Protein backbone atom coordinates (compact mmCIF):
# COMPACT_ATOMS: atom_id res chain seq x y z
CA MET A 1 -99.89 100.66 -27.99
CA SER A 2 -99.49 98.95 -31.34
CA ILE A 3 -100.93 95.36 -31.49
CA PHE A 4 -98.93 94.27 -34.37
CA SER A 5 -95.01 93.55 -34.05
CA LYS A 6 -92.92 95.88 -36.70
CA GLY A 7 -92.22 93.52 -39.15
CA LYS A 8 -92.85 92.66 -42.80
CA VAL A 9 -96.09 94.14 -44.10
CA VAL A 10 -98.08 92.99 -47.10
CA VAL A 11 -100.57 95.49 -48.36
CA TRP A 12 -102.76 93.48 -51.20
CA PRO A 13 -104.88 96.11 -52.84
CA LYS A 14 -108.10 94.45 -54.54
CA SER A 15 -110.73 96.10 -56.95
CA GLN A 16 -113.53 96.89 -53.72
CA SER A 17 -111.74 96.34 -50.76
CA LEU A 18 -107.70 96.52 -49.47
CA GLU A 19 -106.36 94.07 -47.36
CA ILE A 20 -103.12 94.34 -44.86
CA TYR A 21 -101.21 90.94 -43.51
CA HIS A 22 -98.44 90.99 -40.94
CA ASP A 23 -96.01 88.61 -40.26
CA LYS A 24 -97.54 87.47 -37.09
CA LYS A 25 -98.91 84.54 -35.63
CA GLU A 26 -102.23 85.87 -34.29
CA ASN A 27 -104.32 89.18 -34.68
CA ASN A 28 -102.07 89.40 -38.06
CA THR A 29 -104.94 90.67 -40.96
CA LEU A 30 -106.88 93.61 -41.25
CA SER A 31 -109.35 94.77 -44.32
CA PHE A 32 -110.22 98.14 -45.47
CA ASP A 33 -113.42 98.74 -47.80
CA ILE A 34 -111.44 100.96 -49.88
CA ASN A 35 -110.28 100.66 -53.47
CA LEU A 36 -106.67 102.17 -53.60
CA TRP A 37 -106.79 101.55 -57.96
CA THR A 38 -108.84 105.17 -57.94
CA PRO A 39 -108.16 108.10 -56.74
CA GLN A 40 -108.96 108.77 -53.07
CA ASN A 41 -109.47 111.81 -51.02
CA ASP A 42 -107.54 112.38 -47.64
CA THR A 43 -111.51 111.46 -46.07
CA ASP A 44 -111.71 108.31 -47.79
CA LEU A 45 -108.29 107.51 -46.60
CA GLN A 46 -108.55 108.40 -43.08
CA PRO A 47 -108.90 105.01 -41.61
CA PHE A 48 -106.17 103.76 -43.36
CA SER A 49 -103.88 106.17 -42.37
CA LEU A 50 -105.02 106.00 -39.17
CA TYR A 51 -104.16 102.81 -38.67
CA VAL A 52 -100.80 103.61 -40.67
CA GLN A 53 -99.79 106.08 -38.30
CA GLN A 54 -100.67 103.92 -35.17
CA ASN A 55 -99.14 100.83 -36.39
CA GLY A 56 -95.75 102.90 -37.24
CA ILE A 57 -96.09 101.59 -40.71
CA GLU A 58 -93.24 102.93 -42.62
CA SER A 59 -92.40 100.62 -45.30
CA CYS A 60 -94.73 97.75 -47.09
CA VAL A 61 -94.83 95.21 -50.33
CA VAL A 62 -97.59 95.95 -52.39
CA LEU A 63 -99.08 92.95 -54.00
CA VAL A 64 -100.23 93.75 -57.70
CA PRO A 65 -101.90 91.72 -59.92
CA ASP A 66 -100.42 90.81 -63.43
CA ASP A 67 -102.52 92.61 -65.52
CA VAL A 68 -100.99 96.19 -64.17
CA VAL A 69 -97.25 94.92 -63.68
CA TYR A 70 -96.58 93.06 -67.35
CA THR A 71 -93.48 90.57 -67.56
CA ARG A 72 -92.57 88.91 -70.95
CA SER A 73 -89.95 87.84 -72.50
CA PHE A 74 -88.48 87.46 -76.28
CA ILE A 75 -85.65 85.90 -78.31
CA TYR A 76 -83.14 86.96 -80.70
CA ASP A 77 -81.61 84.10 -82.66
CA THR A 78 -78.68 85.61 -82.34
CA GLN A 79 -76.43 87.05 -79.81
CA ILE A 80 -76.83 90.94 -79.83
CA SER A 81 -75.25 93.85 -77.24
CA GLN A 82 -77.94 96.30 -77.61
CA ILE A 83 -81.44 96.89 -78.94
CA ASP A 84 -83.45 100.12 -79.22
CA LYS A 85 -86.32 100.78 -76.89
CA LYS A 86 -88.46 101.33 -79.27
CA GLU A 87 -88.09 97.80 -80.86
CA VAL A 88 -88.74 96.34 -77.63
CA ILE A 89 -92.13 98.28 -77.62
CA GLY A 90 -92.67 97.34 -80.99
CA LEU A 91 -92.04 93.47 -79.77
CA ALA A 92 -94.42 94.17 -76.55
CA GLU A 93 -97.38 96.47 -78.23
CA GLY A 94 -98.96 93.26 -79.63
CA PHE A 95 -99.47 91.26 -76.07
CA ILE A 96 -100.62 94.10 -73.73
CA LYS A 97 -103.86 95.90 -73.27
CA PHE A 98 -102.57 98.97 -72.18
CA LYS A 99 -100.85 101.88 -73.88
CA ILE A 100 -96.87 101.38 -73.52
CA ASP A 101 -95.46 104.72 -71.68
CA PRO A 102 -91.58 104.34 -72.88
CA SER A 103 -90.76 105.30 -69.16
CA SER A 104 -92.45 102.39 -67.58
CA LEU A 105 -90.43 99.38 -69.85
CA GLU A 106 -87.56 98.15 -68.62
CA TYR A 107 -85.59 95.63 -70.01
CA LYS A 108 -82.12 93.63 -69.82
CA LEU A 109 -80.39 91.36 -72.31
CA VAL A 110 -79.37 87.71 -71.20
CA PRO A 111 -77.03 86.36 -73.79
CA ASP A 112 -77.24 82.54 -73.91
CA THR A 113 -76.23 80.19 -76.73
CA ASN A 114 -76.66 81.53 -80.27
CA LYS A 115 -79.17 83.44 -79.10
CA THR A 116 -80.26 86.53 -76.71
CA VAL A 117 -82.80 86.77 -74.30
CA ILE A 118 -84.86 89.85 -74.49
CA GLN A 119 -86.28 90.15 -70.60
CA THR A 120 -88.90 93.04 -70.35
CA THR A 121 -91.39 94.30 -67.15
CA ILE A 122 -93.84 96.35 -68.20
CA TYR A 123 -96.25 98.43 -65.80
CA ASP A 124 -99.23 100.55 -66.21
CA LYS A 125 -98.24 103.69 -65.58
CA SER A 126 -101.87 105.53 -65.14
CA LYS A 127 -102.95 102.71 -62.83
CA VAL A 128 -99.42 102.59 -60.53
CA ASP A 129 -99.60 106.33 -60.50
CA ILE A 130 -102.86 106.49 -58.86
CA LEU A 131 -101.95 103.54 -56.23
CA ILE A 132 -98.96 105.74 -55.46
CA SER A 133 -100.70 108.58 -54.67
CA ASN A 134 -102.86 107.14 -52.45
CA LEU A 135 -100.29 105.45 -50.30
CA GLU A 136 -98.29 108.46 -49.81
CA LYS A 137 -101.10 110.51 -48.42
CA THR A 138 -101.32 107.54 -45.81
CA GLY A 139 -97.55 108.59 -44.31
CA ILE A 140 -95.96 105.35 -46.02
CA LYS A 141 -92.63 106.41 -46.95
CA SER A 142 -91.43 103.64 -48.98
CA CYS A 143 -92.64 100.08 -50.59
CA SER A 144 -91.46 97.42 -52.78
CA VAL A 145 -93.94 95.95 -55.57
CA LYS A 146 -94.36 92.07 -56.39
CA THR A 147 -97.02 90.56 -58.40
CA ILE A 148 -99.10 87.81 -57.32
CA SER A 149 -97.53 85.64 -60.22
CA SER A 150 -94.47 86.02 -58.61
CA SER A 151 -94.86 85.69 -55.02
CA ILE A 152 -96.85 81.99 -55.68
CA SER A 153 -93.78 80.83 -57.76
CA ASN A 154 -91.40 81.75 -54.96
CA ALA A 155 -94.20 79.71 -52.26
CA ILE A 156 -94.48 76.94 -54.46
CA SER A 157 -90.39 76.65 -55.47
CA THR A 158 -89.85 75.72 -51.99
CA PHE A 159 -91.41 72.31 -52.66
CA PHE A 160 -91.22 71.82 -56.54
CA ASP A 161 -88.32 72.81 -58.74
CA LYS A 162 -89.54 71.63 -61.85
CA GLU A 163 -91.71 72.99 -64.41
CA TYR A 164 -95.37 73.15 -64.03
CA PHE A 165 -98.87 75.41 -64.19
CA ILE A 166 -100.89 76.71 -60.97
CA LEU A 167 -104.44 77.77 -61.52
CA TYR A 168 -105.06 80.44 -58.64
CA PRO A 169 -108.27 81.91 -57.92
CA LEU A 170 -108.80 85.89 -57.72
CA ASN A 171 -112.30 85.65 -57.09
CA ASN A 172 -115.57 83.40 -57.38
CA SER A 173 -114.87 83.18 -61.59
CA GLU A 174 -111.96 84.78 -62.40
CA TYR A 175 -108.57 83.40 -62.15
CA THR A 176 -104.36 83.80 -63.07
CA LEU A 177 -102.88 80.65 -64.60
CA ILE A 178 -99.38 80.57 -64.16
CA LEU A 179 -96.57 78.51 -65.70
CA SER A 180 -93.29 78.41 -63.62
CA LYS A 181 -90.12 76.79 -62.93
CA ALA A 182 -87.36 76.75 -59.99
CA GLY A 183 -89.55 80.42 -58.65
CA SER A 184 -88.93 81.73 -62.09
CA VAL A 185 -92.29 82.92 -63.96
CA TYR A 186 -92.36 82.24 -67.83
CA LEU A 187 -95.91 83.13 -68.30
CA THR A 188 -99.57 84.42 -66.96
CA SER A 189 -102.93 84.60 -68.52
CA ASN A 190 -106.14 85.56 -66.79
CA LEU A 191 -108.84 83.37 -67.35
CA LYS A 192 -112.43 83.30 -66.50
CA GLY A 193 -115.64 80.80 -65.93
CA SER A 194 -116.14 77.59 -64.17
CA SER A 195 -114.72 75.99 -67.85
CA LEU A 196 -111.36 77.07 -68.90
CA ASP A 197 -109.71 76.19 -72.07
CA ILE A 198 -106.10 75.98 -71.67
CA GLN A 199 -104.43 73.77 -74.73
CA LYS A 200 -103.24 77.31 -76.48
CA ILE A 201 -101.59 77.95 -73.47
CA ILE A 202 -100.08 74.34 -72.90
CA ASN A 203 -98.54 74.97 -76.32
CA TYR A 204 -96.53 78.07 -75.77
CA SER A 205 -95.20 75.87 -72.80
CA ASN A 206 -93.44 73.95 -75.62
CA LEU A 207 -91.49 76.90 -76.74
CA TYR A 208 -90.04 76.96 -73.50
CA PHE A 209 -88.99 74.07 -72.42
CA SER A 210 -88.36 70.46 -74.42
CA GLY A 211 -91.63 69.49 -74.22
CA PRO A 212 -95.31 70.62 -73.06
CA THR A 213 -96.04 71.13 -69.39
CA THR A 214 -98.48 68.90 -68.31
CA LYS A 215 -97.78 69.36 -64.49
CA ILE A 216 -101.09 71.71 -62.71
CA TYR A 217 -101.52 72.63 -59.83
CA LEU A 218 -105.37 73.04 -59.09
CA PRO A 219 -107.60 74.68 -56.00
CA GLN A 220 -108.90 72.03 -53.41
CA ASN A 221 -112.41 72.13 -52.94
CA LYS A 222 -113.19 74.52 -56.86
CA GLU A 223 -115.32 72.91 -59.09
CA ILE A 224 -113.20 74.11 -61.88
CA GLU A 225 -113.10 72.37 -65.16
CA ILE A 226 -110.03 71.88 -67.08
CA SER A 227 -110.21 71.59 -71.23
CA SER A 228 -107.22 70.20 -72.78
CA THR A 229 -106.19 67.20 -75.73
CA THR A 230 -103.13 66.97 -73.72
CA GLU A 231 -103.13 64.49 -70.69
CA LEU A 232 -102.41 66.61 -67.68
CA GLU A 233 -100.66 65.72 -64.25
CA LYS A 234 -103.58 67.21 -62.15
CA THR A 235 -102.62 68.16 -58.37
CA GLN A 236 -105.21 69.48 -55.69
CA TYR A 237 -103.23 72.16 -53.31
CA ASN A 238 -104.40 73.57 -50.34
CA GLU A 239 -103.46 77.22 -49.06
CA SER A 240 -103.24 76.58 -45.74
CA GLN A 241 -101.68 73.46 -45.23
CA ILE A 242 -98.80 74.52 -47.48
CA SER A 243 -98.37 78.16 -45.24
CA GLN A 244 -98.72 75.78 -42.23
CA ASN A 245 -95.90 73.12 -43.65
CA LEU A 246 -93.70 76.60 -44.21
CA GLY A 247 -93.91 77.82 -40.71
CA LYS A 248 -96.71 80.55 -41.36
CA PRO A 249 -100.59 81.25 -40.23
CA SER A 250 -102.79 78.89 -42.09
CA ASN A 251 -104.59 82.01 -42.60
CA PHE A 252 -101.78 83.31 -45.25
CA PRO A 253 -103.22 83.36 -48.85
CA LEU A 254 -100.23 81.82 -51.26
CA PRO A 255 -99.49 85.34 -52.51
CA VAL A 256 -98.93 86.37 -48.68
CA LEU A 257 -96.83 83.49 -48.02
CA GLY A 258 -94.38 83.96 -51.09
CA VAL A 259 -93.54 87.53 -49.59
CA MET A 260 -93.21 86.37 -45.97
CA ILE A 261 -91.06 83.58 -46.48
CA SER A 262 -87.28 84.42 -47.51
CA GLN A 263 -85.27 83.11 -50.47
CA SER A 264 -83.20 80.72 -48.32
CA GLU A 265 -86.45 78.92 -46.52
CA THR A 266 -85.37 75.01 -46.01
CA LYS A 267 -87.43 72.96 -48.50
CA PRO A 268 -89.97 71.22 -46.42
CA ALA A 269 -91.53 68.16 -46.87
CA ILE A 270 -94.88 69.23 -48.20
CA ILE A 271 -95.59 67.96 -51.61
CA THR A 272 -97.25 64.84 -49.12
CA GLN A 273 -99.70 67.45 -48.09
CA VAL A 274 -101.24 67.57 -51.92
CA LYS A 275 -103.62 65.16 -53.67
CA ASP A 276 -102.53 63.84 -56.71
CA ILE A 277 -105.43 62.74 -58.77
CA SER A 278 -103.29 61.87 -61.90
CA SER A 279 -102.88 58.16 -62.63
CA GLY A 280 -99.44 57.79 -62.41
CA LYS A 281 -99.18 55.27 -59.98
CA ASN A 282 -101.33 52.63 -62.29
CA LYS A 283 -98.93 53.66 -64.89
CA MET A 284 -95.85 52.92 -62.90
CA GLU A 285 -97.45 49.36 -61.83
CA ASN A 286 -98.13 48.65 -65.21
CA LYS A 287 -94.81 48.79 -66.48
CA LYS A 288 -93.41 46.75 -63.92
CA ASN A 289 -95.98 43.84 -64.92
CA VAL A 290 -94.85 44.17 -68.81
CA LEU A 291 -91.01 44.26 -67.87
CA PRO A 292 -91.06 40.31 -67.34
CA ILE A 293 -92.91 39.45 -70.52
CA ILE A 294 -90.51 41.24 -72.22
CA ALA A 295 -87.51 39.80 -71.06
CA VAL A 296 -89.00 36.32 -72.02
CA PHE A 297 -89.80 37.61 -75.64
CA VAL A 298 -86.10 38.85 -76.24
CA VAL A 299 -84.28 35.44 -74.71
CA THR A 300 -86.73 33.31 -77.12
CA ALA A 301 -86.14 35.78 -80.01
CA ALA A 302 -82.36 35.25 -79.85
CA ALA A 303 -82.18 31.31 -79.32
CA ALA A 304 -84.32 31.15 -82.62
CA ALA A 305 -81.97 33.58 -84.31
CA ILE A 306 -79.02 31.39 -83.05
CA ILE A 307 -80.89 27.83 -83.95
CA ILE A 308 -81.16 29.22 -87.87
CA TYR A 309 -77.86 30.45 -88.12
CA PHE A 310 -76.57 27.28 -87.79
CA ILE A 311 -78.91 25.57 -90.00
CA LEU A 312 -78.25 28.27 -92.76
CA ASN A 313 -74.78 27.77 -92.49
CA ARG A 314 -75.01 23.81 -92.59
CA ASN A 315 -76.91 23.48 -95.67
CA ILE A 316 -74.91 26.08 -98.15
CA SER A 317 -70.95 25.43 -98.43
CA PRO A 318 -68.33 28.37 -99.10
CA GLN A 319 -68.16 27.38 -102.83
CA GLU A 320 -71.88 27.41 -103.59
CA THR A 321 -71.68 31.19 -102.47
CA VAL A 322 -71.82 33.53 -105.19
CA VAL A 323 -70.86 37.39 -105.42
CA ALA A 324 -72.06 39.53 -108.49
CA GLU A 325 -70.35 42.38 -109.36
CA VAL A 326 -71.73 44.31 -111.54
CA THR A 327 -70.08 47.31 -113.31
CA PRO A 328 -72.36 50.31 -114.78
CA THR A 329 -71.60 51.77 -117.83
CA LEU A 330 -72.07 55.22 -118.28
CA THR A 331 -72.18 57.36 -121.32
CA GLN A 332 -70.66 60.28 -122.16
CA SER A 333 -73.07 62.61 -121.08
CA GLU A 334 -73.78 61.11 -117.61
CA MET A 335 -69.74 61.08 -116.58
CA ILE A 336 -69.41 64.86 -117.32
CA PRO A 337 -72.24 66.40 -114.93
CA THR A 338 -74.23 69.94 -116.22
CA GLU A 339 -74.91 72.43 -114.11
CA THR A 340 -77.77 74.50 -114.61
CA PRO A 341 -76.64 78.19 -113.91
CA ILE A 342 -78.82 79.92 -111.40
CA PRO A 343 -79.62 83.63 -112.82
CA THR A 344 -78.47 86.24 -110.65
CA VAL A 345 -80.59 89.28 -109.63
CA ALA A 346 -78.90 93.00 -109.08
CA GLU A 347 -78.31 94.44 -105.84
CA ILE A 348 -80.69 96.86 -104.22
CA SER A 349 -79.82 100.01 -101.87
CA LYS A 350 -79.71 98.62 -98.48
CA LYS A 351 -80.91 102.37 -97.07
CA LEU A 352 -84.25 101.10 -97.80
CA LYS A 353 -86.63 101.64 -94.75
CA LEU A 354 -88.19 98.11 -93.83
CA GLN A 355 -90.74 96.86 -91.41
CA VAL A 356 -91.10 93.30 -90.39
CA LEU A 357 -94.85 92.81 -88.83
CA ASN A 358 -95.64 89.30 -87.00
CA ALA A 359 -99.84 88.82 -87.44
CA THR A 360 -99.60 85.32 -85.74
CA SER A 361 -99.58 84.84 -81.83
CA ILE A 362 -96.27 83.18 -81.72
CA SER A 363 -93.97 85.44 -80.17
CA GLY A 364 -90.80 85.99 -81.67
CA GLN A 365 -91.02 85.71 -85.42
CA ALA A 366 -90.53 89.08 -86.44
CA ALA A 367 -87.14 88.95 -84.73
CA THR A 368 -86.44 85.81 -86.92
CA VAL A 369 -87.14 87.86 -90.26
CA LYS A 370 -85.36 91.00 -89.25
CA GLU A 371 -82.26 89.00 -88.63
CA MET A 372 -82.84 87.72 -91.80
CA LEU A 373 -82.62 91.22 -93.41
CA THR A 374 -79.80 92.23 -91.29
CA LYS A 375 -77.74 89.39 -92.82
CA LEU A 376 -78.40 90.68 -96.19
CA GLY A 377 -76.98 94.32 -95.23
CA PHE A 378 -80.20 96.33 -94.52
CA THR A 379 -79.58 98.40 -91.53
CA ASP A 380 -83.03 100.17 -91.32
CA VAL A 381 -85.35 97.33 -90.22
CA THR A 382 -88.32 97.72 -87.38
CA VAL A 383 -90.35 95.21 -85.73
CA GLY A 384 -93.96 95.27 -84.56
CA ASN A 385 -97.16 93.10 -84.56
CA SER A 386 -100.09 93.33 -86.70
CA LYS A 387 -103.81 92.50 -85.80
CA GLU A 388 -104.60 91.29 -89.48
CA THR A 389 -105.58 87.42 -90.40
CA LEU A 390 -103.48 86.16 -92.52
CA SER A 391 -103.09 82.55 -93.79
CA GLY A 392 -99.73 82.92 -95.41
CA ASN A 393 -96.50 85.50 -95.33
CA GLU A 394 -96.84 88.43 -97.38
CA VAL A 395 -93.94 91.17 -98.78
CA ARG A 396 -95.73 94.59 -100.42
CA ILE A 397 -93.62 96.61 -101.91
CA LYS A 398 -93.95 100.60 -103.33
CA THR A 399 -94.80 100.49 -106.40
CA SER A 400 -92.01 102.76 -107.39
CA LEU A 401 -89.37 100.29 -106.57
CA GLU A 402 -87.85 97.67 -109.56
CA GLY A 403 -85.70 95.01 -109.06
CA VAL A 404 -87.26 94.37 -105.00
CA LYS A 405 -89.21 91.70 -105.59
CA GLU A 406 -86.72 89.49 -107.81
CA TYR A 407 -83.80 90.45 -105.15
CA PHE A 408 -85.95 89.47 -101.74
CA GLY A 409 -87.49 86.12 -104.07
CA GLN A 410 -84.22 85.12 -104.34
CA ASN A 411 -82.60 86.17 -101.33
CA LEU A 412 -85.29 84.83 -99.41
CA SER A 413 -86.30 81.61 -101.03
CA GLY A 414 -86.49 78.36 -98.56
CA LYS A 415 -86.81 81.39 -95.75
CA PHE A 416 -89.41 83.56 -95.94
CA ASP A 417 -91.56 82.41 -98.92
CA ALA A 418 -94.33 84.43 -99.72
CA GLU A 419 -96.92 86.19 -102.07
CA TYR A 420 -95.44 89.97 -103.09
CA SER A 421 -97.21 92.64 -104.22
CA SER A 422 -96.17 96.04 -105.95
CA GLU A 423 -99.31 97.98 -103.94
CA LEU A 424 -97.74 99.83 -101.44
CA LYS A 425 -98.56 103.97 -101.44
CA ASP A 426 -95.29 105.73 -101.91
CA SER A 427 -96.72 107.90 -99.03
CA SER A 428 -96.04 104.94 -96.96
CA ASN A 429 -93.07 105.81 -94.08
CA TYR A 430 -91.73 102.23 -95.23
CA ASP A 431 -90.35 100.83 -98.74
CA VAL A 432 -91.21 97.35 -98.02
CA ILE A 433 -93.70 95.58 -95.36
CA PHE A 434 -93.25 92.17 -94.70
CA VAL A 435 -96.04 90.61 -92.86
CA ILE A 436 -96.18 87.16 -90.83
CA GLY A 437 -99.22 85.03 -91.57
CA VAL A 438 -97.78 81.47 -90.32
CA ASP A 439 -95.58 79.45 -88.29
CA LEU A 440 -92.31 79.79 -89.48
CA SER A 441 -90.90 76.57 -87.66
CA THR A 442 -93.82 74.49 -89.45
CA SER A 443 -93.22 76.07 -93.33
CA THR A 444 -90.28 76.64 -95.02
CA ALA A 445 -88.52 79.49 -93.26
CA SER A 446 -85.80 78.67 -90.35
CA GLY A 447 -85.33 80.13 -87.48
CA GLU A 448 -88.44 79.89 -85.27
CA THR A 449 -88.03 81.43 -81.73
CA SER A 450 -89.45 81.02 -78.76
CA PRO A 451 -90.61 82.61 -75.46
CA THR A 452 -88.30 82.65 -72.46
CA PRO A 453 -88.23 82.14 -68.83
CA THR A 454 -89.30 85.50 -66.94
CA GLU A 455 -87.58 86.33 -64.10
CA LYS A 456 -89.26 87.43 -61.01
CA VAL A 457 -90.75 90.94 -61.37
CA SER A 458 -88.79 93.77 -60.51
CA VAL A 459 -90.17 97.22 -61.30
CA THR A 460 -89.07 100.52 -60.00
CA PRO A 461 -92.10 102.98 -61.41
CA THR A 462 -91.23 106.79 -61.57
CA THR A 463 -93.14 109.22 -59.56
CA LYS A 464 -92.97 112.51 -58.52
CA ALA A 465 -94.58 111.64 -55.13
CA SER A 466 -92.30 111.18 -52.23
CA VAL A 467 -93.11 107.38 -51.71
CA THR A 468 -90.62 105.03 -53.97
CA ILE A 469 -91.55 101.69 -55.47
CA THR A 470 -88.30 99.89 -55.00
CA PRO A 471 -87.75 96.65 -57.03
CA THR A 472 -88.39 93.10 -55.05
CA PRO A 473 -85.57 90.46 -56.29
């Protein structure tokens, strides 16, 4: 007879162990010394397989790290109804450490005001295939996948719906930094060490929202040095306390808790359970103390202005006021403005193959330049990322092409100012290559784009095994 009730089951495969959680108050967890991320034979899986059969586990939710299932969003500064998957892969390649299999990438277009959000979900197919193969051998028929970041975001959303960072420990020296708002994950980053510099990631949050995100949750009883030039509002959190306040066992970690609770959970008043270690209260008291001083200053200034007004009007009569009228005299040449003619350049073929490469760490810039080129009439434009380090923008043209430098120099002036060269070999697959080396929002170019909130991870891996992976909303 099973000691567990048939409720929701969470399987959390880690690098050297496997943790199982059941939605039950007591006897709700068990651990196996097995690594499901590496191929296992039937003998290695036997203890876990026996446990699955004895407890009648047919389905589960699998927690996966964010370096296995990766989410990111990109922006087009115009509304589009379709986009080629190859172009989406080109946008994502610079941010993914593993080789992207086209079948492992899913995306959707979300229209917004004067722009389109491209939400992508990419999983490491080689790792997921191994995981599914191992689960199939145990007798589990179906599993839904949920990332650690999306599950934590679901738990925090029960009591905080504004944008925030949360630092979650994966082990003694590794952490996941998550940027989230109202249950949606915007950005994740794995960090290592006891001293973490997060200023660059804070700068990215400025692209998602109207300003930099300063709220950050830190794990209680962890000695972590956070380095940033932005003043942060730091709040400590306690996993056990949050779980208890949500009516769940105190031994549920945040990722497991986020799976166990439903989206319709009533928001409990658990914000008071975390310790605020910022100086927000003192700032409010200072504001209250300053208000009376400001009020006295305003009243005094108003009275002084009235007294000065009456003194000046008493000493000067209306007849003494003189209004001088000045009529400017213009010469004939000044009366008829002359225009300097702007030389026009010859049109070039719109069938040229163009490539736009982003050599910066700022997402979406290649899409911005592509939009400039498509507005000029070019249809064969691909985008991607470059590993070069440049101090400015560059345009590289095939040596056999004439008039191209003059054409782009005039039509992109003030939008994409760059250094032009005719050193591109004729054997190149592209006729012209545009390389972005600076932040377009601070240069003469227009149209800086920014990453966009990523919805909760939803991934449906394709497998040959009988185990099915179902998207988790």
